[in-house]
């Protein structure tokens, strides 16, 4: 599998994502449903957004590994949050290290939504290749 990121503008380097990702010769593609802060019993978290993001990332990592894929090959990561302001002010110290830990350089869309399921405040939806 070959993966190439495209960032035609210099400002793109500071966004923790790429403007586009090209994949050639992939053996498989994993489309992950949005992952949220549910515990092993499916109970949604009522903690703050930062705590929910930690659980959400753990759940996403687990799902990707169980499917036989690697987080480093995430090519698209959509973020849904009930507050982009809260995400940027309380979650970047969790989100950026997650990307760096796995060497992820992905296309990203960040959306503020009116609400998520139950008490949830953040959701990650990934596409992974191998």
N, C-alpha and C. Protein backbone atom coordinates (compact mmCIF):
# COMPACT_ATOMS: atom_id res chain seq x y z
N UNK A 1 0.84 -1.17 0.00
CA UNK A 1 0.00 0.00 0.00
C UNK A 1 0.88 1.23 0.00
N UNK A 2 0.51 2.19 -0.83
CA UNK A 2 1.22 3.47 -0.87
C UNK A 2 0.26 4.56 -0.40
N UNK A 3 0.78 5.44 0.45
CA UNK A 3 -0.03 6.54 0.97
C UNK A 3 0.75 7.83 0.77
N UNK A 4 0.07 8.83 0.21
CA UNK A 4 0.70 10.13 -0.02
C UNK A 4 -0.24 11.22 0.47
N UNK A 5 0.30 12.16 1.26
CA UNK A 5 -0.51 13.29 1.71
C UNK A 5 -0.24 14.48 0.81
N UNK A 6 -1.28 15.28 0.61
CA UNK A 6 -1.18 16.47 -0.23
C UNK A 6 -1.59 17.66 0.61
N UNK A 7 -0.70 18.63 0.70
CA UNK A 7 -0.92 19.87 1.45
C UNK A 7 -0.36 21.02 0.63
N UNK A 8 -1.13 21.58 -0.31
CA UNK A 8 -0.58 22.61 -1.19
C UNK A 8 -0.32 23.96 -0.53
N UNK A 9 -0.81 24.17 0.69
CA UNK A 9 -0.63 25.45 1.36
C UNK A 9 0.22 25.27 2.60
N UNK A 10 1.10 26.21 2.86
CA UNK A 10 2.01 26.13 4.01
C UNK A 10 1.25 26.06 5.33
N UNK A 11 0.11 26.75 5.42
CA UNK A 11 -0.64 26.75 6.67
C UNK A 11 -1.15 25.36 7.04
N UNK A 12 -1.23 24.47 6.07
CA UNK A 12 -1.73 23.12 6.33
C UNK A 12 -0.86 22.34 7.30
N UNK A 13 0.42 22.66 7.36
CA UNK A 13 1.32 21.95 8.25
C UNK A 13 0.99 22.15 9.72
N UNK A 14 0.29 23.22 10.05
CA UNK A 14 -0.03 23.49 11.45
C UNK A 14 -1.42 23.03 11.85
N UNK A 15 -2.09 22.25 11.00
CA UNK A 15 -3.46 21.86 11.29
C UNK A 15 -3.62 20.45 11.85
N UNK A 16 -2.54 19.72 12.05
CA UNK A 16 -2.61 18.34 12.53
C UNK A 16 -3.41 17.44 11.60
N UNK A 17 -3.40 17.76 10.32
CA UNK A 17 -4.08 16.95 9.30
C UNK A 17 -3.49 17.29 7.95
N UNK A 18 -4.00 16.64 6.92
CA UNK A 18 -3.60 16.92 5.54
C UNK A 18 -4.84 17.35 4.78
N UNK A 19 -4.65 18.12 3.72
CA UNK A 19 -5.78 18.53 2.91
C UNK A 19 -6.34 17.36 2.10
N UNK A 20 -5.48 16.41 1.76
CA UNK A 20 -5.93 15.22 1.03
C UNK A 20 -4.94 14.08 1.29
N UNK A 21 -5.44 12.87 1.16
CA UNK A 21 -4.61 11.67 1.28
C UNK A 21 -4.94 10.77 0.09
N UNK A 22 -3.90 10.40 -0.66
CA UNK A 22 -4.06 9.48 -1.78
C UNK A 22 -3.56 8.10 -1.35
N UNK A 23 -4.33 7.07 -1.67
CA UNK A 23 -3.94 5.70 -1.35
C UNK A 23 -3.94 4.89 -2.64
N UNK A 24 -2.84 4.18 -2.87
CA UNK A 24 -2.73 3.29 -4.04
C UNK A 24 -2.41 1.88 -3.55
N UNK A 25 -2.94 0.91 -4.23
CA UNK A 25 -2.64 -0.49 -3.99
C UNK A 25 -3.01 -0.94 -2.58
N UNK A 26 -4.13 -0.49 -2.08
CA UNK A 26 -4.58 -0.91 -0.75
C UNK A 26 -5.11 -2.34 -0.81
N UNK A 27 -4.81 -3.12 0.22
CA UNK A 27 -5.32 -4.49 0.32
C UNK A 27 -6.71 -4.52 0.95
N UNK A 28 -7.02 -3.48 1.71
CA UNK A 28 -8.31 -3.43 2.37
C UNK A 28 -8.59 -2.04 2.89
N UNK A 29 -9.86 -1.75 3.10
CA UNK A 29 -10.28 -0.47 3.66
C UNK A 29 -11.28 -0.76 4.77
N UNK A 30 -11.05 -0.15 5.92
CA UNK A 30 -11.92 -0.31 7.09
C UNK A 30 -12.66 1.01 7.32
N UNK A 31 -13.98 0.96 7.24
CA UNK A 31 -14.82 2.13 7.50
C UNK A 31 -15.39 1.97 8.90
N UNK A 32 -14.90 2.77 9.82
CA UNK A 32 -15.33 2.66 11.22
C UNK A 32 -16.54 3.54 11.48
N UNK A 33 -17.52 2.98 12.15
CA UNK A 33 -18.62 3.80 12.66
C UNK A 33 -18.06 4.78 13.67
N UNK A 34 -18.79 5.85 13.91
CA UNK A 34 -18.34 6.82 14.89
C UNK A 34 -18.16 6.17 16.24
N UNK A 35 -16.97 6.39 16.83
CA UNK A 35 -16.67 5.84 18.15
C UNK A 35 -16.84 6.94 19.19
N UNK A 36 -17.42 6.56 20.31
CA UNK A 36 -17.71 7.51 21.39
C UNK A 36 -17.26 6.92 22.71
N UNK A 37 -17.49 7.65 23.78
CA UNK A 37 -17.07 7.22 25.12
C UNK A 37 -18.13 6.32 25.75
N UNK A 38 -18.19 5.09 25.23
CA UNK A 38 -19.03 4.06 25.85
C UNK A 38 -18.11 3.11 26.59
N UNK A 39 -18.56 2.63 27.75
CA UNK A 39 -17.75 1.64 28.46
C UNK A 39 -18.01 0.25 27.85
N UNK A 40 -17.40 -0.78 28.42
CA UNK A 40 -17.51 -2.13 27.87
C UNK A 40 -18.93 -2.68 27.91
N UNK A 41 -19.80 -2.04 28.69
CA UNK A 41 -21.21 -2.45 28.76
C UNK A 41 -22.12 -1.58 27.88
N UNK A 42 -21.52 -0.66 27.13
CA UNK A 42 -22.29 0.20 26.26
C UNK A 42 -22.92 1.39 26.95
N UNK A 43 -22.46 1.70 28.16
CA UNK A 43 -23.00 2.83 28.92
C UNK A 43 -22.23 4.10 28.53
N UNK A 44 -22.96 5.15 28.12
CA UNK A 44 -22.29 6.39 27.72
C UNK A 44 -21.73 7.15 28.92
N UNK A 45 -20.58 7.77 28.69
CA UNK A 45 -19.92 8.58 29.72
C UNK A 45 -20.68 9.88 29.94
N UNK A 46 -20.67 10.36 31.18
CA UNK A 46 -21.21 11.67 31.49
C UNK A 46 -20.11 12.60 31.98
N UNK A 47 -18.84 12.17 31.75
CA UNK A 47 -17.70 12.99 32.16
C UNK A 47 -17.51 14.15 31.19
N UNK A 48 -16.49 14.98 31.45
CA UNK A 48 -16.21 16.13 30.59
C UNK A 48 -15.67 15.68 29.23
N UNK A 49 -15.61 16.61 28.28
CA UNK A 49 -15.22 16.28 26.92
C UNK A 49 -13.82 15.67 26.85
N UNK A 50 -12.88 16.21 27.61
CA UNK A 50 -11.51 15.70 27.58
C UNK A 50 -11.48 14.23 28.01
N UNK A 51 -12.16 13.91 29.08
CA UNK A 51 -12.23 12.52 29.56
C UNK A 51 -12.93 11.62 28.54
N UNK A 52 -13.98 12.15 27.92
CA UNK A 52 -14.68 11.39 26.90
C UNK A 52 -13.77 11.13 25.69
N UNK A 53 -12.96 12.11 25.31
CA UNK A 53 -12.06 11.92 24.18
C UNK A 53 -11.04 10.82 24.48
N UNK A 54 -10.53 10.78 25.69
CA UNK A 54 -9.58 9.72 26.07
C UNK A 54 -10.23 8.35 25.88
N UNK A 55 -11.46 8.17 26.36
CA UNK A 55 -12.16 6.89 26.21
C UNK A 55 -12.49 6.61 24.74
N UNK A 56 -12.86 7.65 24.01
CA UNK A 56 -13.19 7.50 22.59
C UNK A 56 -11.98 7.02 21.80
N UNK A 57 -10.82 7.61 22.06
CA UNK A 57 -9.58 7.20 21.39
C UNK A 57 -9.24 5.76 21.74
N UNK A 58 -9.38 5.41 23.00
CA UNK A 58 -9.12 4.03 23.43
C UNK A 58 -10.04 3.06 22.67
N UNK A 59 -11.31 3.40 22.56
CA UNK A 59 -12.27 2.56 21.85
C UNK A 59 -11.91 2.45 20.36
N UNK A 60 -11.52 3.57 19.76
CA UNK A 60 -11.14 3.56 18.35
C UNK A 60 -9.90 2.70 18.12
N UNK A 61 -8.89 2.87 18.96
CA UNK A 61 -7.67 2.06 18.86
C UNK A 61 -8.00 0.57 18.97
N UNK A 62 -8.86 0.23 19.91
CA UNK A 62 -9.25 -1.17 20.12
C UNK A 62 -9.97 -1.73 18.88
N UNK A 63 -10.92 -0.98 18.36
CA UNK A 63 -11.67 -1.41 17.18
C UNK A 63 -10.74 -1.65 15.99
N UNK A 64 -9.85 -0.71 15.74
CA UNK A 64 -8.93 -0.81 14.60
C UNK A 64 -8.01 -2.03 14.77
N UNK A 65 -7.49 -2.22 15.96
CA UNK A 65 -6.61 -3.38 16.21
C UNK A 65 -7.37 -4.70 16.07
N UNK A 66 -8.59 -4.76 16.61
CA UNK A 66 -9.41 -5.98 16.50
C UNK A 66 -9.70 -6.35 15.05
N UNK A 67 -9.78 -5.34 14.19
CA UNK A 67 -10.04 -5.57 12.77
C UNK A 67 -8.77 -5.95 12.01
N UNK A 68 -7.62 -5.90 12.68
CA UNK A 68 -6.36 -6.26 12.04
C UNK A 68 -5.72 -5.12 11.26
N UNK A 69 -6.07 -3.90 11.60
CA UNK A 69 -5.51 -2.72 10.95
C UNK A 69 -4.62 -1.97 11.95
N UNK A 70 -3.92 -0.95 11.46
CA UNK A 70 -3.05 -0.13 12.30
C UNK A 70 -3.53 1.32 12.28
N UNK A 71 -3.52 1.96 13.44
CA UNK A 71 -3.94 3.36 13.53
C UNK A 71 -3.09 4.27 12.64
N UNK A 72 -1.83 3.91 12.41
CA UNK A 72 -0.97 4.76 11.57
C UNK A 72 -1.52 4.89 10.16
N UNK A 73 -2.42 3.98 9.77
CA UNK A 73 -2.98 4.01 8.43
C UNK A 73 -4.39 4.62 8.38
N UNK A 74 -4.73 5.41 9.41
CA UNK A 74 -5.96 6.20 9.33
C UNK A 74 -5.74 7.25 8.24
N UNK A 75 -6.64 7.29 7.26
CA UNK A 75 -6.50 8.26 6.17
C UNK A 75 -7.57 9.35 6.22
N UNK A 76 -8.65 9.10 6.95
CA UNK A 76 -9.72 10.09 7.11
C UNK A 76 -10.23 9.98 8.54
N UNK A 77 -10.31 11.12 9.22
CA UNK A 77 -10.79 11.14 10.60
C UNK A 77 -11.75 12.31 10.76
N UNK A 78 -13.02 11.98 10.92
CA UNK A 78 -14.03 13.00 11.15
C UNK A 78 -14.25 13.14 12.65
N UNK A 79 -14.33 14.38 13.10
CA UNK A 79 -14.56 14.67 14.51
C UNK A 79 -15.89 15.40 14.63
N UNK A 80 -16.77 14.85 15.43
CA UNK A 80 -18.05 15.49 15.73
C UNK A 80 -18.00 15.89 17.20
N UNK A 81 -18.33 17.13 17.48
CA UNK A 81 -18.31 17.60 18.86
C UNK A 81 -19.47 18.56 19.10
N UNK A 82 -19.91 18.61 20.33
CA UNK A 82 -20.98 19.54 20.68
C UNK A 82 -20.45 20.94 20.91
N UNK A 83 -19.11 21.10 20.94
CA UNK A 83 -18.51 22.43 21.09
C UNK A 83 -17.09 22.42 20.53
N UNK A 84 -16.90 23.06 19.39
CA UNK A 84 -15.54 23.15 18.84
C UNK A 84 -14.66 23.97 19.77
N UNK A 85 -15.21 24.96 20.43
CA UNK A 85 -14.43 25.77 21.37
C UNK A 85 -13.89 24.90 22.50
N UNK A 86 -14.74 24.07 23.09
CA UNK A 86 -14.29 23.17 24.16
C UNK A 86 -13.26 22.18 23.62
N UNK A 87 -13.47 21.69 22.40
CA UNK A 87 -12.53 20.74 21.83
C UNK A 87 -11.14 21.37 21.71
N UNK A 88 -11.08 22.59 21.18
CA UNK A 88 -9.79 23.25 21.00
C UNK A 88 -9.16 23.68 22.33
N UNK A 89 -9.96 24.02 23.32
CA UNK A 89 -9.38 24.51 24.57
C UNK A 89 -9.09 23.41 25.59
N UNK A 90 -9.80 22.26 25.51
CA UNK A 90 -9.60 21.24 26.54
C UNK A 90 -9.11 19.90 26.01
N UNK A 91 -9.08 19.71 24.71
CA UNK A 91 -8.79 18.37 24.18
C UNK A 91 -7.54 18.25 23.32
N UNK A 92 -6.95 19.35 22.92
CA UNK A 92 -5.81 19.25 22.01
C UNK A 92 -4.62 18.53 22.65
N UNK A 93 -4.49 18.61 23.98
CA UNK A 93 -3.39 17.91 24.64
C UNK A 93 -3.62 16.40 24.69
N UNK A 94 -4.78 15.95 24.28
CA UNK A 94 -5.08 14.52 24.15
C UNK A 94 -5.06 14.14 22.67
N UNK A 95 -5.68 14.95 21.83
CA UNK A 95 -5.84 14.64 20.40
C UNK A 95 -4.51 14.64 19.65
N UNK A 96 -3.71 15.68 19.81
CA UNK A 96 -2.43 15.78 19.07
C UNK A 96 -1.48 14.65 19.46
N UNK A 97 -1.29 14.33 20.74
CA UNK A 97 -0.43 13.19 21.08
C UNK A 97 -0.92 11.86 20.49
N UNK A 98 -2.24 11.67 20.38
CA UNK A 98 -2.78 10.47 19.73
C UNK A 98 -2.30 10.40 18.28
N UNK A 99 -2.39 11.50 17.56
CA UNK A 99 -1.93 11.52 16.16
C UNK A 99 -0.44 11.24 16.08
N UNK A 100 0.33 11.89 16.94
CA UNK A 100 1.79 11.73 16.91
C UNK A 100 2.22 10.33 17.34
N UNK A 101 1.55 9.77 18.33
CA UNK A 101 1.87 8.42 18.83
C UNK A 101 1.84 7.40 17.70
N UNK A 102 0.87 7.54 16.81
CA UNK A 102 0.71 6.58 15.71
C UNK A 102 1.28 7.09 14.39
N UNK A 103 1.78 8.32 14.36
CA UNK A 103 2.29 8.88 13.11
C UNK A 103 1.19 9.10 12.08
N UNK A 104 0.03 9.48 12.56
CA UNK A 104 -1.13 9.65 11.68
C UNK A 104 -1.06 11.00 10.98
N UNK A 105 -1.23 10.99 9.66
CA UNK A 105 -1.36 12.22 8.85
C UNK A 105 -2.57 11.98 7.97
N UNK A 106 -3.69 12.54 8.34
CA UNK A 106 -4.99 12.20 7.77
C UNK A 106 -5.73 13.42 7.26
N UNK A 107 -6.67 13.18 6.38
CA UNK A 107 -7.65 14.21 6.03
C UNK A 107 -8.65 14.25 7.18
N UNK A 108 -9.06 15.45 7.56
CA UNK A 108 -9.96 15.61 8.72
C UNK A 108 -11.07 16.59 8.43
N UNK A 109 -12.23 16.29 8.98
CA UNK A 109 -13.33 17.23 9.02
C UNK A 109 -13.75 17.34 10.48
N UNK A 110 -13.84 18.57 10.97
CA UNK A 110 -14.30 18.84 12.33
C UNK A 110 -15.65 19.53 12.25
N UNK A 111 -16.65 18.94 12.88
CA UNK A 111 -18.00 19.49 12.84
C UNK A 111 -18.55 19.69 14.24
N UNK A 112 -19.14 20.86 14.46
CA UNK A 112 -19.89 21.08 15.70
C UNK A 112 -21.33 20.70 15.43
N UNK A 113 -21.86 19.84 16.28
CA UNK A 113 -23.22 19.36 16.10
C UNK A 113 -24.07 19.78 17.30
N UNK A 114 -25.37 19.82 17.08
CA UNK A 114 -26.29 20.22 18.14
C UNK A 114 -26.28 19.25 19.31
N UNK A 115 -26.12 17.98 19.00
CA UNK A 115 -26.10 16.98 20.06
C UNK A 115 -25.63 15.64 19.54
N UNK A 116 -25.19 14.81 20.47
CA UNK A 116 -24.81 13.42 20.19
C UNK A 116 -25.65 12.54 21.10
N UNK A 117 -25.51 11.25 20.98
CA UNK A 117 -26.28 10.30 21.78
C UNK A 117 -26.08 10.54 23.28
N UNK A 118 -27.17 10.54 24.00
CA UNK A 118 -27.18 10.65 25.47
C UNK A 118 -26.37 11.86 25.95
N UNK A 119 -25.37 11.62 26.78
CA UNK A 119 -24.57 12.69 27.38
C UNK A 119 -23.23 12.89 26.67
N UNK A 120 -23.09 12.31 25.48
CA UNK A 120 -21.80 12.34 24.78
C UNK A 120 -21.53 13.70 24.14
N UNK A 121 -20.24 14.05 24.09
CA UNK A 121 -19.84 15.37 23.57
C UNK A 121 -18.83 15.30 22.44
N UNK A 122 -18.28 14.10 22.15
CA UNK A 122 -17.28 13.98 21.08
C UNK A 122 -17.37 12.58 20.46
N UNK A 123 -17.18 12.53 19.13
CA UNK A 123 -17.25 11.28 18.39
C UNK A 123 -16.17 11.29 17.30
N UNK A 124 -15.50 10.17 17.12
CA UNK A 124 -14.47 10.04 16.08
C UNK A 124 -14.89 8.96 15.09
N UNK A 125 -14.86 9.31 13.81
CA UNK A 125 -15.22 8.39 12.73
C UNK A 125 -14.00 8.27 11.80
N UNK A 126 -13.50 7.05 11.63
CA UNK A 126 -12.24 6.87 10.90
C UNK A 126 -12.40 5.96 9.69
N UNK A 127 -11.55 6.22 8.70
CA UNK A 127 -11.35 5.31 7.57
C UNK A 127 -9.88 4.91 7.61
N UNK A 128 -9.63 3.61 7.56
CA UNK A 128 -8.28 3.06 7.71
C UNK A 128 -8.00 2.15 6.52
N UNK A 129 -6.76 2.19 6.02
CA UNK A 129 -6.39 1.31 4.90
C UNK A 129 -5.26 0.39 5.32
N UNK A 130 -5.07 -0.65 4.49
CA UNK A 130 -3.91 -1.53 4.70
C UNK A 130 -3.43 -2.00 3.35
